[in-house]
Every structure is written in structure tokens, then in C-alpha cells.
Amino acid sequence: GLFMSIGTSGNVYPAAGFVEAVRHYGMGHTVELNLEPSS
């Protein structure tokens, strides 16, 4: 229902694709908590 991504660069797969997976399933809200915007 909620996907939180914390402290990751967004450069390393498959983890970098998790947000797209959540969006694909269409159920969860997504939030990035980071020092600066990831890739």
C-alpha cells in the first residue's frame, strides 16, 4: 500500500526498478526519502 525508498542512488538494478513495479501493480503510494533526488 506504500513503498518507501530510502538512501539509495537508483542506479543498481533490480532494486532501482522496484518503484516501477509498484506503479505497475497500481496499488501503492510511492515516496522517495533521500539526501538528494535519485536517478
PDB file of all heavy atoms in Angstrom:
ATOM      1  N   GLY A   1       0.822  -1.204   0.000  1.00  0.00           N
ATOM      2  CA  GLY A   1       0.000   0.000   0.000  1.00  0.00           C
ATOM      3  C   GLY A   1       0.854   1.250   0.000  1.00  0.00           C
ATOM      4  O   GLY A   1       0.423   2.330  -0.397  1.00  0.00           O
ATOM      5  N   LEU A   2       2.092   1.111   0.467  1.00  0.00           N
ATOM      6  CA  LEU A   2       3.061   2.199   0.469  1.00  0.00           C
ATOM      7  C   LEU A   2       4.431   1.615   0.203  1.00  0.00           C
ATOM      8  O   LEU A   2       4.821   0.616   0.821  1.00  0.00           O
ATOM      9  CB  LEU A   2       3.066   2.924   1.820  1.00  0.00           C
ATOM     10  CG  LEU A   2       4.189   3.950   2.058  1.00  0.00           C
ATOM     11  CD1 LEU A   2       4.081   5.111   1.080  1.00  0.00           C
ATOM     12  CD2 LEU A   2       4.167   4.458   3.501  1.00  0.00           C
ATOM     13  N   PHE A   3       5.166   2.239  -0.717  1.00  0.00           N
ATOM     14  CA  PHE A   3       6.551   1.864  -0.989  1.00  0.00           C
ATOM     15  C   PHE A   3       7.429   3.051  -0.680  1.00  0.00           C
ATOM     16  O   PHE A   3       7.264   4.135  -1.240  1.00  0.00           O
ATOM     17  CB  PHE A   3       6.729   1.443  -2.447  1.00  0.00           C
ATOM     18  CG  PHE A   3       8.174   1.210  -2.835  1.00  0.00           C
ATOM     19  CD1 PHE A   3       8.876   0.145  -2.307  1.00  0.00           C
ATOM     20  CD2 PHE A   3       8.821   2.075  -3.718  1.00  0.00           C
ATOM     21  CE1 PHE A   3      10.212  -0.066  -2.643  1.00  0.00           C
ATOM     22  CE2 PHE A   3      10.144   1.865  -4.074  1.00  0.00           C
ATOM     23  CZ  PHE A   3      10.841   0.796  -3.532  1.00  0.00           C
ATOM     24  N   MET A   4       8.383   2.858   0.238  1.00  0.00           N
ATOM     25  CA  MET A   4       9.319   3.900   0.628  1.00  0.00           C
ATOM     26  C   MET A   4      10.723   3.517   0.174  1.00  0.00           C
ATOM     27  O   MET A   4      11.184   2.410   0.457  1.00  0.00           O
ATOM     28  CB  MET A   4       9.310   4.079   2.153  1.00  0.00           C
ATOM     29  CG  MET A   4       7.972   4.438   2.739  1.00  0.00           C
ATOM     30  SD  MET A   4       7.901   4.198   4.546  1.00  0.00           S
ATOM     31  CE  MET A   4       9.192   5.319   5.105  1.00  0.00           C
ATOM     32  N   SER A   5      11.393   4.410  -0.516  1.00  0.00           N
ATOM     33  CA  SER A   5      12.787   4.185  -0.933  1.00  0.00           C
ATOM     34  C   SER A   5      13.659   5.174  -0.183  1.00  0.00           C
ATOM     35  O   SER A   5      13.465   6.391  -0.285  1.00  0.00           O
ATOM     36  CB  SER A   5      12.929   4.378  -2.438  1.00  0.00           C
ATOM     37  OG  SER A   5      14.278   4.226  -2.844  1.00  0.00           O
ATOM     38  N   ILE A   6      14.621   4.651   0.584  1.00  0.00           N
ATOM     39  CA  ILE A   6      15.403   5.486   1.496  1.00  0.00           C
ATOM     40  C   ILE A   6      16.901   5.311   1.245  1.00  0.00           C
ATOM     41  O   ILE A   6      17.426   4.199   1.301  1.00  0.00           O
ATOM     42  CB  ILE A   6      15.097   5.117   2.965  1.00  0.00           C
ATOM     43  CG1 ILE A   6      13.605   5.283   3.262  1.00  0.00           C
ATOM     44  CG2 ILE A   6      15.932   5.964   3.914  1.00  0.00           C
ATOM     45  CD1 ILE A   6      13.191   4.723   4.611  1.00  0.00           C
ATOM     46  N   GLY A   7      17.573   6.406   0.946  1.00  0.00           N
ATOM     47  CA  GLY A   7      19.031   6.402   0.891  1.00  0.00           C
ATOM     48  C   GLY A   7      19.628   5.557  -0.209  1.00  0.00           C
ATOM     49  O   GLY A   7      20.702   4.970  -0.019  1.00  0.00           O
ATOM     50  N   THR A   8      18.981   5.515  -1.366  1.00  0.00           N
ATOM     51  CA  THR A   8      19.516   4.706  -2.462  1.00  0.00           C
ATOM     52  C   THR A   8      19.679   5.566  -3.714  1.00  0.00           C
ATOM     53  O   THR A   8      18.888   6.479  -3.964  1.00  0.00           O
ATOM     54  CB  THR A   8      18.627   3.487  -2.743  1.00  0.00           C
ATOM     55  OG1 THR A   8      19.177   2.721  -3.813  1.00  0.00           O
ATOM     56  CG2 THR A   8      17.207   3.887  -3.076  1.00  0.00           C
ATOM     57  N   SER A   9      20.694   5.248  -4.492  1.00  0.00           N
ATOM     58  CA  SER A   9      21.045   6.075  -5.655  1.00  0.00           C
ATOM     59  C   SER A   9      20.106   5.876  -6.834  1.00  0.00           C
ATOM     60  O   SER A   9      20.016   6.728  -7.713  1.00  0.00           O
ATOM     61  CB  SER A   9      22.476   5.760  -6.105  1.00  0.00           C
ATOM     62  OG  SER A   9      22.555   4.420  -6.587  1.00  0.00           O
ATOM     63  N   GLY A  10      19.420   4.741  -6.865  1.00  0.00           N
ATOM     64  CA  GLY A  10      18.566   4.448  -8.009  1.00  0.00           C
ATOM     65  C   GLY A  10      19.328   3.981  -9.227  1.00  0.00           C
ATOM     66  O   GLY A  10      18.778   3.943 -10.335  1.00  0.00           O
ATOM     67  N   ASN A  11      20.587   3.586  -9.037  1.00  0.00           N
ATOM     68  CA  ASN A  11      21.422   3.153 -10.161  1.00  0.00           C
ATOM     69  C   ASN A  11      21.563   1.643 -10.279  1.00  0.00           C
ATOM     70  O   ASN A  11      22.016   1.145 -11.312  1.00  0.00           O
ATOM     71  CB  ASN A  11      22.830   3.751 -10.029  1.00  0.00           C
ATOM     72  CG  ASN A  11      22.848   5.249 -10.270  1.00  0.00           C
ATOM     73  OD1 ASN A  11      22.192   5.730 -11.174  1.00  0.00           O
ATOM     74  ND2 ASN A  11      23.591   5.980  -9.449  1.00  0.00           N
ATOM     75  N   VAL A  12      21.232   0.915  -9.220  1.00  0.00           N
ATOM     76  CA  VAL A  12      21.509  -0.517  -9.178  1.00  0.00           C
ATOM     77  C   VAL A  12      20.216  -1.315  -9.336  1.00  0.00           C
ATOM     78  O   VAL A  12      19.284  -1.166  -8.540  1.00  0.00           O
ATOM     79  CB  VAL A  12      22.195  -0.907  -7.849  1.00  0.00           C
ATOM     80  CG1 VAL A  12      22.478  -2.404  -7.814  1.00  0.00           C
ATOM     81  CG2 VAL A  12      23.494  -0.123  -7.669  1.00  0.00           C
ATOM     82  N   TYR A  13      20.166  -2.123 -10.373  1.00  0.00           N
ATOM     83  CA  TYR A  13      19.002  -2.986 -10.602  1.00  0.00           C
ATOM     84  C   TYR A  13      19.276  -4.371 -10.029  1.00  0.00           C
ATOM     85  O   TYR A  13      20.422  -4.774  -9.911  1.00  0.00           O
ATOM     86  CB  TYR A  13      18.717  -3.070 -12.108  1.00  0.00           C
ATOM     87  CG  TYR A  13      18.036  -1.831 -12.631  1.00  0.00           C
ATOM     88  CD1 TYR A  13      18.779  -0.718 -12.993  1.00  0.00           C
ATOM     89  CD2 TYR A  13      16.645  -1.774 -12.727  1.00  0.00           C
ATOM     90  CE1 TYR A  13      18.152   0.436 -13.451  1.00  0.00           C
ATOM     91  CE2 TYR A  13      16.017  -0.622 -13.195  1.00  0.00           C
ATOM     92  CZ  TYR A  13      16.778   0.465 -13.549  1.00  0.00           C
ATOM     93  OH  TYR A  13      16.143   1.598 -13.993  1.00  0.00           O
ATOM     94  N   PRO A  14      18.218  -5.082  -9.613  1.00  0.00           N
ATOM     95  CA  PRO A  14      16.807  -4.788  -9.821  1.00  0.00           C
ATOM     96  C   PRO A  14      16.175  -3.818  -8.844  1.00  0.00           C
ATOM     97  O   PRO A  14      15.042  -3.390  -9.047  1.00  0.00           O
ATOM     98  CB  PRO A  14      16.165  -6.169  -9.680  1.00  0.00           C
ATOM     99  CG  PRO A  14      17.041  -6.894  -8.728  1.00  0.00           C
ATOM    100  CD  PRO A  14      18.433  -6.447  -9.048  1.00  0.00           C
ATOM    101  N   ALA A  15      16.864  -3.419  -7.770  1.00  0.00           N
ATOM    102  CA  ALA A  15      16.243  -2.549  -6.767  1.00  0.00           C
ATOM    103  C   ALA A  15      15.747  -1.241  -7.367  1.00  0.00           C
ATOM    104  O   ALA A  15      14.697  -0.718  -6.961  1.00  0.00           O
ATOM    105  CB  ALA A  15      17.232  -2.275  -5.633  1.00  0.00           C
ATOM    106  N   ALA A  16      16.476  -0.703  -8.343  1.00  0.00           N
ATOM    107  CA  ALA A  16      16.078   0.561  -8.951  1.00  0.00           C
ATOM    108  C   ALA A  16      14.736   0.456  -9.671  1.00  0.00           C
ATOM    109  O   ALA A  16      14.075   1.472  -9.908  1.00  0.00           O
ATOM    110  CB  ALA A  16      17.159   1.029  -9.923  1.00  0.00           C
ATOM    111  N   GLY A  17      14.324  -0.753  -9.999  1.00  0.00           N
ATOM    112  CA  GLY A  17      13.056  -0.950 -10.694  1.00  0.00           C
ATOM    113  C   GLY A  17      11.880  -1.220  -9.779  1.00  0.00           C
ATOM    114  O   GLY A  17      10.749  -1.384 -10.247  1.00  0.00           O
ATOM    115  N   PHE A  18      12.102  -1.232  -8.463  1.00  0.00           N
ATOM    116  CA  PHE A  18      11.007  -1.561  -7.543  1.00  0.00           C
ATOM    117  C   PHE A  18       9.879  -0.541  -7.607  1.00  0.00           C
ATOM    118  O   PHE A  18       8.703  -0.897  -7.514  1.00  0.00           O
ATOM    119  CB  PHE A  18      11.528  -1.667  -6.113  1.00  0.00           C
ATOM    120  CG  PHE A  18      12.366  -2.884  -5.829  1.00  0.00           C
ATOM    121  CD1 PHE A  18      12.957  -3.064  -4.582  1.00  0.00           C
ATOM    122  CD2 PHE A  18      12.580  -3.861  -6.801  1.00  0.00           C
ATOM    123  CE1 PHE A  18      13.725  -4.179  -4.309  1.00  0.00           C
ATOM    124  CE2 PHE A  18      13.358  -4.983  -6.545  1.00  0.00           C
ATOM    125  CZ  PHE A  18      13.926  -5.135  -5.289  1.00  0.00           C
ATOM    126  N   VAL A  19      10.213   0.738  -7.731  1.00  0.00           N
ATOM    127  CA  VAL A  19       9.163   1.758  -7.772  1.00  0.00           C
ATOM    128  C   VAL A  19       8.278   1.569  -8.994  1.00  0.00           C
ATOM    129  O   VAL A  19       7.051   1.711  -8.922  1.00  0.00           O
ATOM    130  CB  VAL A  19       9.769   3.178  -7.732  1.00  0.00           C
ATOM    131  CG1 VAL A  19      10.683   3.442  -8.939  1.00  0.00           C
ATOM    132  CG2 VAL A  19       8.657   4.222  -7.667  1.00  0.00           C
ATOM    133  N   GLU A  20       8.875   1.196 -10.121  1.00  0.00           N
ATOM    134  CA  GLU A  20       8.076   0.945 -11.328  1.00  0.00           C
ATOM    135  C   GLU A  20       7.210  -0.292 -11.157  1.00  0.00           C
ATOM    136  O   GLU A  20       6.087  -0.353 -11.663  1.00  0.00           O
ATOM    137  CB  GLU A  20       8.991   0.797 -12.543  1.00  0.00           C
ATOM    138  CG  GLU A  20       9.740   2.064 -12.923  1.00  0.00           C
ATOM    139  CD  GLU A  20       8.826   3.159 -13.463  1.00  0.00           C
ATOM    140  OE1 GLU A  20       7.608   2.920 -13.613  1.00  0.00           O
ATOM    141  OE2 GLU A  20       9.346   4.259 -13.734  1.00  0.00           O
ATOM    142  N   ALA A  21       7.718  -1.288 -10.436  1.00  0.00           N
ATOM    143  CA  ALA A  21       6.920  -2.491 -10.173  1.00  0.00           C
ATOM    144  C   ALA A  21       5.686  -2.144  -9.352  1.00  0.00           C
ATOM    145  O   ALA A  21       4.578  -2.610  -9.645  1.00  0.00           O
ATOM    146  CB  ALA A  21       7.763  -3.538  -9.447  1.00  0.00           C
ATOM    147  N   VAL A  22       5.850  -1.320  -8.333  1.00  0.00           N
ATOM    148  CA  VAL A  22       4.707  -0.907  -7.510  1.00  0.00           C
ATOM    149  C   VAL A  22       3.708  -0.119  -8.353  1.00  0.00           C
ATOM    150  O   VAL A  22       2.490  -0.323  -8.252  1.00  0.00           O
ATOM    151  CB  VAL A  22       5.181  -0.081  -6.299  1.00  0.00           C
ATOM    152  CG1 VAL A  22       3.989   0.475  -5.528  1.00  0.00           C
ATOM    153  CG2 VAL A  22       6.057  -0.925  -5.385  1.00  0.00           C
ATOM    154  N   ARG A  23       4.208   0.759  -9.181  1.00  0.00           N
ATOM    155  CA  ARG A  23       3.318   1.531 -10.064  1.00  0.00           C
ATOM    156  C   ARG A  23       2.596   0.618 -11.043  1.00  0.00           C
ATOM    157  O   ARG A  23       1.418   0.832 -11.362  1.00  0.00           O
ATOM    158  CB  ARG A  23       4.125   2.588 -10.822  1.00  0.00           C
ATOM    159  CG  ARG A  23       4.660   3.697  -9.930  1.00  0.00           C
ATOM    160  CD  ARG A  23       5.463   4.715 -10.716  1.00  0.00           C
ATOM    161  NE  ARG A  23       4.680   5.301 -11.807  1.00  0.00           N
ATOM    162  CZ  ARG A  23       5.125   6.237 -12.613  1.00  0.00           C
ATOM    163  NH1 ARG A  23       6.365   6.701 -12.484  1.00  0.00           N
ATOM    164  NH2 ARG A  23       4.381   6.728 -13.570  1.00  0.00           N
ATOM    165  N   HIS A  24       3.286  -0.415 -11.519  1.00  0.00           N
ATOM    166  CA  HIS A  24       2.671  -1.357 -12.456  1.00  0.00           C
ATOM    167  C   HIS A  24       1.496  -2.080 -11.807  1.00  0.00           C
ATOM    168  O   HIS A  24       0.442  -2.251 -12.427  1.00  0.00           O
ATOM    169  CB  HIS A  24       3.710  -2.371 -12.917  1.00  0.00           C
ATOM    170  CG  HIS A  24       3.144  -3.510 -13.709  1.00  0.00           C
ATOM    171  ND1 HIS A  24       2.740  -3.387 -15.019  1.00  0.00           N
ATOM    172  CD2 HIS A  24       2.903  -4.814 -13.361  1.00  0.00           C
ATOM    173  CE1 HIS A  24       2.272  -4.544 -15.453  1.00  0.00           C
ATOM    174  NE2 HIS A  24       2.363  -5.419 -14.471  1.00  0.00           N
ATOM    175  N   TYR A  25       1.684  -2.500 -10.555  1.00  0.00           N
ATOM    176  CA  TYR A  25       0.599  -3.191  -9.868  1.00  0.00           C
ATOM    177  C   TYR A  25      -0.530  -2.234  -9.516  1.00  0.00           C
ATOM    178  O   TYR A  25      -1.674  -2.659  -9.336  1.00  0.00           O
ATOM    179  CB  TYR A  25       1.124  -3.882  -8.608  1.00  0.00           C
ATOM    180  CG  TYR A  25       2.100  -5.001  -8.904  1.00  0.00           C
ATOM    181  CD1 TYR A  25       3.402  -4.972  -8.395  1.00  0.00           C
ATOM    182  CD2 TYR A  25       1.723  -6.077  -9.701  1.00  0.00           C
ATOM    183  CE1 TYR A  25       4.300  -5.996  -8.676  1.00  0.00           C
ATOM    184  CE2 TYR A  25       2.621  -7.103  -9.986  1.00  0.00           C
ATOM    185  CZ  TYR A  25       3.902  -7.053  -9.465  1.00  0.00           C
ATOM    186  OH  TYR A  25       4.786  -8.063  -9.752  1.00  0.00           O
ATOM    187  N   GLY A  26      -0.219  -0.941  -9.412  1.00  0.00           N
ATOM    188  CA  GLY A  26      -1.252   0.070  -9.283  1.00  0.00           C
ATOM    189  C   GLY A  26      -1.895   0.208  -7.926  1.00  0.00           C
ATOM    190  O   GLY A  26      -2.921   0.890  -7.799  1.00  0.00           O
ATOM    191  N   MET A  27      -1.320  -0.403  -6.897  1.00  0.00           N
ATOM    192  CA  MET A  27      -1.966  -0.386  -5.587  1.00  0.00           C
ATOM    193  C   MET A  27      -1.310   0.583  -4.604  1.00  0.00           C
ATOM    194  O   MET A  27      -1.969   1.081  -3.694  1.00  0.00           O
ATOM    195  CB  MET A  27      -1.930  -1.795  -4.972  1.00  0.00           C
ATOM    196  CG  MET A  27      -2.747  -2.826  -5.698  1.00  0.00           C
ATOM    197  SD  MET A  27      -2.619  -4.440  -4.884  1.00  0.00           S
ATOM    198  CE  MET A  27      -3.248  -4.054  -3.249  1.00  0.00           C
ATOM    199  N   GLY A  28      -0.029   0.846  -4.758  1.00  0.00           N
ATOM    200  CA  GLY A  28       0.709   1.511  -3.694  1.00  0.00           C
ATOM    201  C   GLY A  28       1.082   2.956  -3.985  1.00  0.00           C
ATOM    202  O   GLY A  28       1.351   3.339  -5.127  1.00  0.00           O
ATOM    203  N   HIS A  29       1.129   3.743  -2.927  1.00  0.00           N
ATOM    204  CA  HIS A  29       1.696   5.083  -2.966  1.00  0.00           C
ATOM    205  C   HIS A  29       3.216   4.942  -2.882  1.00  0.00           C
ATOM    206  O   HIS A  29       3.724   4.046  -2.204  1.00  0.00           O
ATOM    207  CB  HIS A  29       1.175   5.896  -1.785  1.00  0.00           C
ATOM    208  CG  HIS A  29       1.699   7.298  -1.741  1.00  0.00           C
ATOM    209  ND1 HIS A  29       1.362   8.244  -2.679  1.00  0.00           N
ATOM    210  CD2 HIS A  29       2.546   7.916  -0.863  1.00  0.00           C
ATOM    211  CE1 HIS A  29       1.967   9.384  -2.392  1.00  0.00           C
ATOM    212  NE2 HIS A  29       2.703   9.211  -1.292  1.00  0.00           N
ATOM    213  N   THR A  30       3.946   5.811  -3.559  1.00  0.00           N
ATOM    214  CA  THR A  30       5.406   5.709  -3.592  1.00  0.00           C
ATOM    215  C   THR A  30       6.039   7.000  -3.093  1.00  0.00           C
ATOM    216  O   THR A  30       5.603   8.099  -3.454  1.00  0.00           O
ATOM    217  CB  THR A  30       5.922   5.395  -5.012  1.00  0.00           C
ATOM    218  OG1 THR A  30       5.497   6.429  -5.915  1.00  0.00           O
ATOM    219  CG2 THR A  30       5.387   4.054  -5.499  1.00  0.00           C
ATOM    220  N   VAL A  31       7.076   6.870  -2.278  1.00  0.00           N
ATOM    221  CA  VAL A  31       7.761   8.049  -1.751  1.00  0.00           C
ATOM    222  C   VAL A  31       9.267   7.799  -1.706  1.00  0.00           C
ATOM    223  O   VAL A  31       9.720   6.713  -1.356  1.00  0.00           O
ATOM    224  CB  VAL A  31       7.230   8.419  -0.347  1.00  0.00           C
ATOM    225  CG1 VAL A  31       7.380   7.251   0.632  1.00  0.00           C
ATOM    226  CG2 VAL A  31       7.921   9.661   0.194  1.00  0.00           C
ATOM    227  N   GLU A  32      10.014   8.799  -2.104  1.00  0.00           N
ATOM    228  CA  GLU A  32      11.472   8.756  -2.026  1.00  0.00           C
ATOM    229  C   GLU A  32      11.934   9.655  -0.886  1.00  0.00           C
ATOM    230  O   GLU A  32      11.593  10.841  -0.846  1.00  0.00           O
ATOM    231  CB  GLU A  32      12.104   9.212  -3.337  1.00  0.00           C
ATOM    232  CG  GLU A  32      13.633   9.308  -3.262  1.00  0.00           C
ATOM    233  CD  GLU A  32      14.289   9.528  -4.603  1.00  0.00           C
ATOM    234  OE1 GLU A  32      14.384  10.701  -5.036  1.00  0.00           O
ATOM    235  OE2 GLU A  32      14.700   8.525  -5.218  1.00  0.00           O
ATOM    236  N   LEU A  33      12.705   9.070   0.035  1.00  0.00           N
ATOM    237  CA  LEU A  33      13.328   9.807   1.138  1.00  0.00           C
ATOM    238  C   LEU A  33      14.829   9.693   0.938  1.00  0.00           C
ATOM    239  O   LEU A  33      15.408   8.622   1.117  1.00  0.00           O
ATOM    240  CB  LEU A  33      12.910   9.216   2.492  1.00  0.00           C
ATOM    241  CG  LEU A  33      11.404   9.106   2.742  1.00  0.00           C
ATOM    242  CD1 LEU A  33      11.137   8.384   4.055  1.00  0.00           C
ATOM    243  CD2 LEU A  33      10.756  10.480   2.758  1.00  0.00           C
ATOM    244  N   ASN A  34      15.458  10.785   0.576  1.00  0.00           N
ATOM    245  CA  ASN A  34      16.854  10.692   0.149  1.00  0.00           C
ATOM    246  C   ASN A  34      17.573  12.004   0.432  1.00  0.00           C
ATOM    247  O   ASN A  34      16.936  13.046   0.658  1.00  0.00           O
ATOM    248  CB  ASN A  34      16.914  10.385  -1.353  1.00  0.00           C
ATOM    249  CG  ASN A  34      18.042   9.446  -1.723  1.00  0.00           C
ATOM    250  OD1 ASN A  34      18.864   9.067  -0.889  1.00  0.00           O
ATOM    251  ND2 ASN A  34      18.098   9.054  -2.983  1.00  0.00           N
ATOM    252  N   LEU A  35      18.894  11.950   0.421  1.00  0.00           N
ATOM    253  CA  LEU A  35      19.675  13.166   0.600  1.00  0.00           C
ATOM    254  C   LEU A  35      19.471  14.113  -0.573  1.00  0.00           C
ATOM    255  O   LEU A  35      19.422  15.340  -0.415  1.00  0.00           O
ATOM    256  CB  LEU A  35      21.154  12.817   0.761  1.00  0.00           C
ATOM    257  CG  LEU A  35      22.095  13.965   1.127  1.00  0.00           C
ATOM    258  CD1 LEU A  35      21.706  14.574   2.471  1.00  0.00           C
ATOM    259  CD2 LEU A  35      23.540  13.474   1.164  1.00  0.00           C
ATOM    260  N   GLU A  36      19.341  13.537  -1.765  1.00  0.00           N
ATOM    261  CA  GLU A  36      19.096  14.300  -2.991  1.00  0.00           C
ATOM    262  C   GLU A  36      18.348  13.403  -3.952  1.00  0.00           C
ATOM    263  O   GLU A  36      18.263  12.194  -3.742  1.00  0.00           O
ATOM    264  CB  GLU A  36      20.425  14.755  -3.607  1.00  0.00           C
ATOM    265  CG  GLU A  36      21.370  13.623  -3.921  1.00  0.00           C
ATOM    266  CD  GLU A  36      22.754  14.095  -4.316  1.00  0.00           C
ATOM    267  OE1 GLU A  36      23.129  15.231  -3.964  1.00  0.00           O
ATOM    268  OE2 GLU A  36      23.460  13.326  -4.988  1.00  0.00           O
ATOM    269  N   PRO A  37      17.747  13.967  -5.011  1.00  0.00           N
ATOM    270  CA  PRO A  37      16.989  13.129  -5.945  1.00  0.00           C
ATOM    271  C   PRO A  37      17.841  12.010  -6.535  1.00  0.00           C
ATOM    272  O   PRO A  37      18.978  12.226  -6.944  1.00  0.00           O
ATOM    273  CB  PRO A  37      16.547  14.120  -7.022  1.00  0.00           C
ATOM    274  CG  PRO A  37      16.500  15.442  -6.317  1.00  0.00           C
ATOM    275  CD  PRO A  37      17.648  15.408  -5.335  1.00  0.00           C
ATOM    276  N   SER A  38      17.272  10.808  -6.554  1.00  0.00           N
ATOM    277  CA  SER A  38      17.969   9.666  -7.143  1.00  0.00           C
ATOM    278  C   SER A  38      17.802   9.675  -8.660  1.00  0.00           C
ATOM    279  O   SER A  38      17.092  10.529  -9.214  1.00  0.00           O
ATOM    280  CB  SER A  38      17.395   8.363  -6.578  1.00  0.00           C
ATOM    281  OG  SER A  38      16.079   8.161  -7.089  1.00  0.00           O
ATOM    282  N   SER A  39      18.420   8.701  -9.308  1.00  0.00           N
ATOM    283  CA  SER A  39      18.287   8.593 -10.766  1.00  0.00           C
ATOM    284  C   SER A  39      16.845   8.339 -11.190  1.00  0.00           C
ATOM    285  O   SER A  39      16.445   8.692 -12.288  1.00  0.00           O
ATOM    286  CB  SER A  39      19.190   7.471 -11.287  1.00  0.00           C
ATOM    287  OG  SER A  39      20.542   7.761 -11.040  1.00  0.00           O
TER     288      SER A  39
END
